[in-house]
Amino acid sequence: MAVGWLLLLSAPVALAQPAGPPRTAPDEDAPFIEFLRRQSPALAERFIALRDARDAAFAELQQASARYSGGGPALRAVSLPALQQARRRYAEASLAMLDFLDARDREAIARLEADMARVNRSLEQRARDRAQIERTLRGE
């Protein structure tokens, strides 16, 4: 899969326009950011910084793609290095965002697993308590 990404990022494309913006609305992330802010203000700020870097890299990619596509065959060789660099920056920014989200989700999974273990221990203790109470009711 990594080879596919490398080929995609390095190959010149006849129509080098990116598929579309990473987000559809500026406030789309607001509920998620507020959720992060309640968990940790630093976590929310990190997400905002990564999102803004990715969005800036995407805008740079769009501009480089427009220059590459609009320059005609004679100017494509000149604009290709900038397009490739913009693709790299966008890929790096996107990967940084994915790394952030993966780490956050792994932490959430670890917390949930710890909570599940605690609940399971409580269930087991109540089962022992229930058995003791039932034995007491039977007069044992």
N, C-alpha and C. Protein backbone atom coordinates (compact mmCIF):
# COMPACT_ATOMS: atom_id res chain seq x y z
N MET A 1 0.82 -1.19 0.00
CA MET A 1 0.00 0.00 0.00
C MET A 1 0.86 1.25 0.00
N ALA A 2 1.97 1.25 0.72
CA ALA A 2 2.85 2.43 0.75
C ALA A 2 3.40 2.73 -0.63
N VAL A 3 3.68 1.69 -1.39
CA VAL A 3 4.19 1.90 -2.75
C VAL A 3 3.15 2.60 -3.60
N GLY A 4 1.88 2.22 -3.43
CA GLY A 4 0.80 2.87 -4.17
C GLY A 4 0.72 4.35 -3.87
N TRP A 5 0.85 4.72 -2.59
CA TRP A 5 0.83 6.13 -2.20
C TRP A 5 2.02 6.86 -2.79
N LEU A 6 3.20 6.23 -2.77
CA LEU A 6 4.37 6.87 -3.33
C LEU A 6 4.20 7.13 -4.82
N LEU A 7 3.66 6.14 -5.52
CA LEU A 7 3.42 6.33 -6.94
C LEU A 7 2.41 7.43 -7.18
N LEU A 8 1.35 7.43 -6.39
CA LEU A 8 0.33 8.45 -6.54
C LEU A 8 0.89 9.84 -6.28
N LEU A 9 1.76 9.95 -5.29
CA LEU A 9 2.29 11.26 -4.92
C LEU A 9 3.36 11.75 -5.88
N SER A 10 4.03 10.84 -6.58
CA SER A 10 5.14 11.27 -7.42
C SER A 10 4.79 11.34 -8.91
N ALA A 11 3.76 10.68 -9.33
CA ALA A 11 3.43 10.64 -10.75
C ALA A 11 2.72 11.92 -11.18
N PRO A 12 3.15 12.53 -12.28
CA PRO A 12 2.41 13.68 -12.79
C PRO A 12 1.07 13.20 -13.37
N VAL A 13 0.08 14.00 -13.17
CA VAL A 13 -1.25 13.65 -13.63
C VAL A 13 -1.67 14.68 -14.66
N ALA A 14 -2.32 14.22 -15.73
CA ALA A 14 -2.73 15.14 -16.79
C ALA A 14 -3.62 16.24 -16.22
N LEU A 15 -4.62 15.86 -15.45
CA LEU A 15 -5.45 16.84 -14.76
C LEU A 15 -5.11 16.71 -13.28
N ALA A 16 -4.27 17.56 -12.79
CA ALA A 16 -3.71 17.40 -11.46
C ALA A 16 -4.56 18.04 -10.36
N GLN A 17 -5.82 18.27 -10.63
CA GLN A 17 -6.67 18.86 -9.61
C GLN A 17 -6.97 17.85 -8.51
N PRO A 18 -6.85 18.24 -7.23
CA PRO A 18 -7.23 17.35 -6.15
C PRO A 18 -8.73 17.06 -6.19
N ALA A 19 -9.11 15.96 -5.61
CA ALA A 19 -10.49 15.51 -5.67
C ALA A 19 -11.46 16.47 -5.01
N GLY A 20 -11.11 17.06 -3.91
CA GLY A 20 -12.01 17.97 -3.22
C GLY A 20 -11.44 18.36 -1.88
N PRO A 21 -12.04 19.33 -1.24
CA PRO A 21 -11.52 19.78 0.06
C PRO A 21 -11.70 18.71 1.12
N PRO A 22 -10.82 18.71 2.12
CA PRO A 22 -10.92 17.71 3.17
C PRO A 22 -12.16 17.89 4.04
N ARG A 23 -12.69 19.10 4.11
CA ARG A 23 -13.90 19.35 4.89
C ARG A 23 -14.88 20.12 4.04
N THR A 24 -16.16 20.02 4.39
CA THR A 24 -17.16 20.72 3.61
C THR A 24 -17.57 22.05 4.22
N ALA A 25 -17.45 22.20 5.53
CA ALA A 25 -17.86 23.43 6.18
C ALA A 25 -16.85 23.80 7.26
N PRO A 26 -16.59 25.09 7.46
CA PRO A 26 -15.60 25.49 8.45
C PRO A 26 -15.95 25.05 9.88
N ASP A 27 -17.23 25.03 10.21
CA ASP A 27 -17.65 24.68 11.57
C ASP A 27 -17.96 23.19 11.74
N GLU A 28 -17.65 22.41 10.74
CA GLU A 28 -17.95 20.97 10.79
C GLU A 28 -17.24 20.28 11.97
N ASP A 29 -16.06 20.75 12.31
CA ASP A 29 -15.28 20.14 13.38
C ASP A 29 -15.62 20.70 14.76
N ALA A 30 -16.45 21.70 14.84
CA ALA A 30 -16.72 22.38 16.11
C ALA A 30 -17.19 21.44 17.21
N PRO A 31 -18.15 20.54 16.97
CA PRO A 31 -18.55 19.64 18.06
C PRO A 31 -17.41 18.72 18.52
N PHE A 32 -16.62 18.24 17.58
CA PHE A 32 -15.50 17.38 17.94
C PHE A 32 -14.45 18.16 18.73
N ILE A 33 -14.18 19.40 18.31
CA ILE A 33 -13.20 20.23 19.01
C ILE A 33 -13.69 20.52 20.43
N GLU A 34 -14.98 20.79 20.58
CA GLU A 34 -15.52 21.04 21.92
C GLU A 34 -15.39 19.78 22.79
N PHE A 35 -15.65 18.63 22.21
CA PHE A 35 -15.47 17.35 22.93
C PHE A 35 -14.02 17.20 23.37
N LEU A 36 -13.08 17.46 22.46
CA LEU A 36 -11.66 17.38 22.81
C LEU A 36 -11.30 18.39 23.88
N ARG A 37 -11.87 19.58 23.77
CA ARG A 37 -11.56 20.65 24.74
C ARG A 37 -12.01 20.24 26.15
N ARG A 38 -13.15 19.53 26.24
CA ARG A 38 -13.60 19.06 27.55
C ARG A 38 -12.65 18.00 28.10
N GLN A 39 -12.05 17.20 27.21
CA GLN A 39 -11.08 16.20 27.64
C GLN A 39 -9.76 16.86 28.03
N SER A 40 -9.29 17.74 27.16
CA SER A 40 -8.01 18.40 27.38
C SER A 40 -7.88 19.58 26.42
N PRO A 41 -7.75 20.78 26.94
CA PRO A 41 -7.57 21.94 26.05
C PRO A 41 -6.36 21.78 25.13
N ALA A 42 -5.29 21.17 25.64
CA ALA A 42 -4.09 20.98 24.81
C ALA A 42 -4.38 20.03 23.65
N LEU A 43 -5.19 19.01 23.91
CA LEU A 43 -5.57 18.06 22.86
C LEU A 43 -6.36 18.77 21.76
N ALA A 44 -7.28 19.62 22.17
CA ALA A 44 -8.08 20.37 21.19
C ALA A 44 -7.19 21.30 20.37
N GLU A 45 -6.26 21.97 21.02
CA GLU A 45 -5.37 22.89 20.30
C GLU A 45 -4.49 22.12 19.33
N ARG A 46 -4.04 20.94 19.72
CA ARG A 46 -3.21 20.11 18.81
C ARG A 46 -4.02 19.72 17.58
N PHE A 47 -5.27 19.31 17.78
CA PHE A 47 -6.13 18.95 16.66
C PHE A 47 -6.32 20.15 15.73
N ILE A 48 -6.59 21.32 16.30
CA ILE A 48 -6.81 22.52 15.49
C ILE A 48 -5.56 22.84 14.68
N ALA A 49 -4.39 22.74 15.30
CA ALA A 49 -3.14 23.02 14.59
C ALA A 49 -2.93 22.03 13.45
N LEU A 50 -3.19 20.76 13.70
CA LEU A 50 -3.03 19.74 12.65
C LEU A 50 -4.04 19.96 11.53
N ARG A 51 -5.27 20.26 11.89
CA ARG A 51 -6.31 20.50 10.88
C ARG A 51 -5.96 21.70 10.03
N ASP A 52 -5.52 22.78 10.68
CA ASP A 52 -5.17 23.99 9.94
C ASP A 52 -3.97 23.75 9.02
N ALA A 53 -2.99 22.98 9.50
CA ALA A 53 -1.83 22.66 8.66
C ALA A 53 -2.26 21.82 7.45
N ARG A 54 -3.16 20.86 7.68
CA ARG A 54 -3.65 20.04 6.57
C ARG A 54 -4.43 20.89 5.58
N ASP A 55 -5.26 21.79 6.08
CA ASP A 55 -6.05 22.65 5.20
C ASP A 55 -5.15 23.59 4.40
N ALA A 56 -4.10 24.12 5.04
CA ALA A 56 -3.16 24.99 4.33
C ALA A 56 -2.42 24.20 3.25
N ALA A 57 -2.03 22.97 3.59
CA ALA A 57 -1.35 22.13 2.61
C ALA A 57 -2.28 21.80 1.45
N PHE A 58 -3.55 21.59 1.75
CA PHE A 58 -4.52 21.31 0.69
C PHE A 58 -4.68 22.53 -0.23
N ALA A 59 -4.76 23.71 0.36
CA ALA A 59 -4.88 24.93 -0.45
C ALA A 59 -3.64 25.10 -1.33
N GLU A 60 -2.47 24.82 -0.76
CA GLU A 60 -1.23 24.89 -1.54
C GLU A 60 -1.27 23.87 -2.69
N LEU A 61 -1.78 22.69 -2.41
CA LEU A 61 -1.89 21.66 -3.45
C LEU A 61 -2.85 22.10 -4.56
N GLN A 62 -3.95 22.71 -4.17
CA GLN A 62 -4.89 23.20 -5.18
C GLN A 62 -4.24 24.25 -6.08
N GLN A 63 -3.49 25.17 -5.47
CA GLN A 63 -2.82 26.21 -6.26
C GLN A 63 -1.78 25.61 -7.18
N ALA A 64 -0.98 24.68 -6.66
CA ALA A 64 0.05 24.04 -7.49
C ALA A 64 -0.60 23.23 -8.61
N SER A 65 -1.72 22.59 -8.31
CA SER A 65 -2.42 21.82 -9.34
C SER A 65 -2.98 22.73 -10.42
N ALA A 66 -3.51 23.86 -10.01
CA ALA A 66 -4.05 24.82 -10.98
C ALA A 66 -2.93 25.36 -11.88
N ARG A 67 -1.77 25.67 -11.27
CA ARG A 67 -0.64 26.15 -12.08
C ARG A 67 -0.18 25.07 -13.06
N TYR A 68 -0.11 23.84 -12.57
CA TYR A 68 0.33 22.74 -13.42
C TYR A 68 -0.65 22.52 -14.58
N SER A 69 -1.93 22.49 -14.26
CA SER A 69 -2.95 22.24 -15.28
C SER A 69 -3.11 23.41 -16.24
N GLY A 70 -2.97 24.63 -15.72
CA GLY A 70 -3.22 25.81 -16.54
C GLY A 70 -2.01 26.28 -17.32
N GLY A 71 -0.85 25.75 -17.03
CA GLY A 71 0.36 26.25 -17.67
C GLY A 71 0.60 25.71 -19.05
N GLY A 72 -0.10 24.70 -19.44
CA GLY A 72 0.13 24.11 -20.75
C GLY A 72 1.35 23.21 -20.72
N PRO A 73 1.52 22.42 -21.78
CA PRO A 73 2.61 21.44 -21.82
C PRO A 73 4.00 22.05 -21.65
N ALA A 74 4.20 23.24 -22.14
CA ALA A 74 5.53 23.85 -22.07
C ALA A 74 5.93 24.20 -20.63
N LEU A 75 4.97 24.58 -19.82
CA LEU A 75 5.27 25.01 -18.46
C LEU A 75 5.11 23.90 -17.42
N ARG A 76 4.59 22.76 -17.82
CA ARG A 76 4.37 21.68 -16.86
C ARG A 76 5.67 21.19 -16.23
N ALA A 77 6.72 21.12 -17.02
CA ALA A 77 8.00 20.66 -16.47
C ALA A 77 8.50 21.61 -15.38
N VAL A 78 8.20 22.91 -15.54
CA VAL A 78 8.62 23.89 -14.56
C VAL A 78 7.76 23.80 -13.29
N SER A 79 6.47 23.57 -13.45
CA SER A 79 5.57 23.55 -12.30
C SER A 79 5.46 22.17 -11.64
N LEU A 80 5.99 21.13 -12.27
CA LEU A 80 5.89 19.78 -11.70
C LEU A 80 6.58 19.64 -10.34
N PRO A 81 7.80 20.16 -10.14
CA PRO A 81 8.42 20.02 -8.81
C PRO A 81 7.58 20.67 -7.69
N ALA A 82 6.99 21.82 -7.97
CA ALA A 82 6.15 22.48 -6.97
C ALA A 82 4.91 21.64 -6.69
N LEU A 83 4.34 21.04 -7.72
CA LEU A 83 3.17 20.17 -7.55
C LEU A 83 3.53 18.95 -6.71
N GLN A 84 4.66 18.34 -7.01
CA GLN A 84 5.09 17.17 -6.24
C GLN A 84 5.35 17.54 -4.78
N GLN A 85 5.98 18.68 -4.55
CA GLN A 85 6.24 19.13 -3.18
C GLN A 85 4.92 19.40 -2.45
N ALA A 86 3.98 20.03 -3.14
CA ALA A 86 2.67 20.30 -2.52
C ALA A 86 1.96 18.99 -2.19
N ARG A 87 2.06 18.00 -3.06
CA ARG A 87 1.47 16.69 -2.77
C ARG A 87 2.12 16.07 -1.54
N ARG A 88 3.44 16.17 -1.46
CA ARG A 88 4.15 15.62 -0.29
C ARG A 88 3.71 16.32 1.00
N ARG A 89 3.63 17.63 0.95
CA ARG A 89 3.22 18.37 2.15
C ARG A 89 1.80 18.00 2.58
N TYR A 90 0.92 17.87 1.60
CA TYR A 90 -0.46 17.49 1.92
C TYR A 90 -0.51 16.07 2.49
N ALA A 91 0.26 15.18 1.90
CA ALA A 91 0.30 13.80 2.40
C ALA A 91 0.86 13.76 3.82
N GLU A 92 1.93 14.51 4.06
CA GLU A 92 2.52 14.55 5.40
C GLU A 92 1.54 15.13 6.42
N ALA A 93 0.86 16.20 6.05
CA ALA A 93 -0.11 16.82 6.96
C ALA A 93 -1.29 15.89 7.22
N SER A 94 -1.72 15.19 6.18
CA SER A 94 -2.82 14.23 6.34
C SER A 94 -2.41 13.07 7.23
N LEU A 95 -1.18 12.58 7.04
CA LEU A 95 -0.69 11.50 7.89
C LEU A 95 -0.55 11.95 9.35
N ALA A 96 -0.12 13.16 9.56
CA ALA A 96 -0.01 13.68 10.93
C ALA A 96 -1.39 13.72 11.60
N MET A 97 -2.39 14.12 10.83
CA MET A 97 -3.76 14.14 11.36
C MET A 97 -4.22 12.72 11.69
N LEU A 98 -3.96 11.78 10.77
CA LEU A 98 -4.35 10.39 11.02
C LEU A 98 -3.62 9.81 12.23
N ASP A 99 -2.34 10.14 12.37
CA ASP A 99 -1.57 9.68 13.54
C ASP A 99 -2.19 10.20 14.83
N PHE A 100 -2.57 11.47 14.83
CA PHE A 100 -3.20 12.07 16.01
C PHE A 100 -4.50 11.34 16.35
N LEU A 101 -5.34 11.15 15.34
CA LEU A 101 -6.63 10.49 15.58
C LEU A 101 -6.45 9.03 16.01
N ASP A 102 -5.49 8.34 15.39
CA ASP A 102 -5.21 6.95 15.79
C ASP A 102 -4.75 6.88 17.24
N ALA A 103 -3.85 7.76 17.64
CA ALA A 103 -3.35 7.76 19.02
C ALA A 103 -4.47 8.06 20.00
N ARG A 104 -5.29 9.03 19.65
CA ARG A 104 -6.43 9.37 20.51
C ARG A 104 -7.39 8.21 20.64
N ASP A 105 -7.68 7.55 19.53
CA ASP A 105 -8.59 6.41 19.56
C ASP A 105 -7.99 5.23 20.33
N ARG A 106 -6.69 5.02 20.20
CA ARG A 106 -6.05 3.95 20.98
C ARG A 106 -6.15 4.23 22.47
N GLU A 107 -5.97 5.49 22.85
CA GLU A 107 -6.12 5.87 24.25
C GLU A 107 -7.55 5.65 24.71
N ALA A 108 -8.51 5.98 23.88
CA ALA A 108 -9.92 5.77 24.24
C ALA A 108 -10.21 4.27 24.41
N ILE A 109 -9.66 3.46 23.51
CA ILE A 109 -9.85 2.01 23.62
C ILE A 109 -9.25 1.50 24.92
N ALA A 110 -8.07 1.97 25.27
CA ALA A 110 -7.42 1.54 26.52
C ALA A 110 -8.28 1.93 27.72
N ARG A 111 -8.83 3.16 27.71
CA ARG A 111 -9.70 3.58 28.81
C ARG A 111 -10.95 2.71 28.88
N LEU A 112 -11.53 2.44 27.72
CA LEU A 112 -12.74 1.61 27.69
C LEU A 112 -12.45 0.19 28.17
N GLU A 113 -11.31 -0.34 27.75
CA GLU A 113 -10.94 -1.69 28.21
C GLU A 113 -10.74 -1.71 29.72
N ALA A 114 -10.12 -0.66 30.27
CA ALA A 114 -9.93 -0.58 31.72
C ALA A 114 -11.29 -0.47 32.43
N ASP A 115 -12.20 0.32 31.85
CA ASP A 115 -13.54 0.43 32.42
C ASP A 115 -14.27 -0.91 32.36
N MET A 116 -14.13 -1.62 31.23
CA MET A 116 -14.77 -2.93 31.10
C MET A 116 -14.23 -3.90 32.14
N ALA A 117 -12.94 -3.89 32.36
CA ALA A 117 -12.34 -4.77 33.36
C ALA A 117 -12.88 -4.44 34.74
N ARG A 118 -13.00 -3.14 35.05
CA ARG A 118 -13.55 -2.72 36.34
C ARG A 118 -15.00 -3.18 36.49
N VAL A 119 -15.81 -3.02 35.46
CA VAL A 119 -17.21 -3.43 35.51
C VAL A 119 -17.30 -4.95 35.65
N ASN A 120 -16.46 -5.67 34.91
CA ASN A 120 -16.47 -7.13 35.02
C ASN A 120 -16.09 -7.59 36.43
N ARG A 121 -15.12 -6.92 37.04
CA ARG A 121 -14.77 -7.25 38.42
C ARG A 121 -15.94 -7.00 39.35
N SER A 122 -16.66 -5.89 39.13
CA SER A 122 -17.84 -5.59 39.95
C SER A 122 -18.92 -6.65 39.76
N LEU A 123 -19.14 -7.07 38.52
CA LEU A 123 -20.13 -8.13 38.26
C LEU A 123 -19.74 -9.43 38.96
N GLU A 124 -18.46 -9.77 38.88
CA GLU A 124 -18.00 -10.99 39.53
C GLU A 124 -18.16 -10.90 41.05
N GLN A 125 -17.85 -9.74 41.62
CA GLN A 125 -18.01 -9.56 43.07
C GLN A 125 -19.48 -9.66 43.46
N ARG A 126 -20.36 -9.05 42.67
CA ARG A 126 -21.79 -9.14 42.97
C ARG A 126 -22.29 -10.56 42.83
N ALA A 127 -21.75 -11.31 41.88
CA ALA A 127 -22.14 -12.72 41.73
C ALA A 127 -21.73 -13.50 42.98
N ARG A 128 -20.54 -13.23 43.49
CA ARG A 128 -20.10 -13.90 44.74
C ARG A 128 -20.99 -13.47 45.90
N ASP A 129 -21.28 -12.18 45.98
CA ASP A 129 -22.15 -11.68 47.05
C ASP A 129 -23.54 -12.30 46.93
N ARG A 130 -24.07 -12.39 45.72
CA ARG A 130 -25.39 -12.97 45.48
C ARG A 130 -25.41 -14.43 45.95
N ALA A 131 -24.37 -15.17 45.59
CA ALA A 131 -24.31 -16.58 45.99
C ALA A 131 -24.27 -16.70 47.52
N GLN A 132 -23.53 -15.83 48.17
CA GLN A 132 -23.45 -15.85 49.64
C GLN A 132 -24.82 -15.53 50.25
N ILE A 133 -25.49 -14.51 49.71
CA ILE A 133 -26.82 -14.13 50.23
C ILE A 133 -27.82 -15.25 50.01
N GLU A 134 -27.79 -15.88 48.84
CA GLU A 134 -28.70 -17.00 48.56
C GLU A 134 -28.45 -18.17 49.50
N ARG A 135 -27.18 -18.44 49.82
CA ARG A 135 -26.87 -19.51 50.77
C ARG A 135 -27.43 -19.15 52.14
N THR A 136 -27.32 -17.87 52.49
CA THR A 136 -27.85 -17.43 53.78
C THR A 136 -29.36 -17.60 53.81
N LEU A 137 -30.04 -17.27 52.72
CA LEU A 137 -31.51 -17.44 52.67
C LEU A 137 -31.91 -18.91 52.79
N ARG A 138 -31.13 -19.78 52.25
CA ARG A 138 -31.44 -21.22 52.29
C ARG A 138 -31.10 -21.81 53.68
N GLY A 139 -30.43 -21.03 54.49
CA GLY A 139 -30.07 -21.50 55.82
C GLY A 139 -28.81 -22.31 55.87
N GLU A 140 -27.98 -22.16 54.94
CA GLU A 140 -26.72 -22.94 54.92
C GLU A 140 -25.67 -22.32 55.78
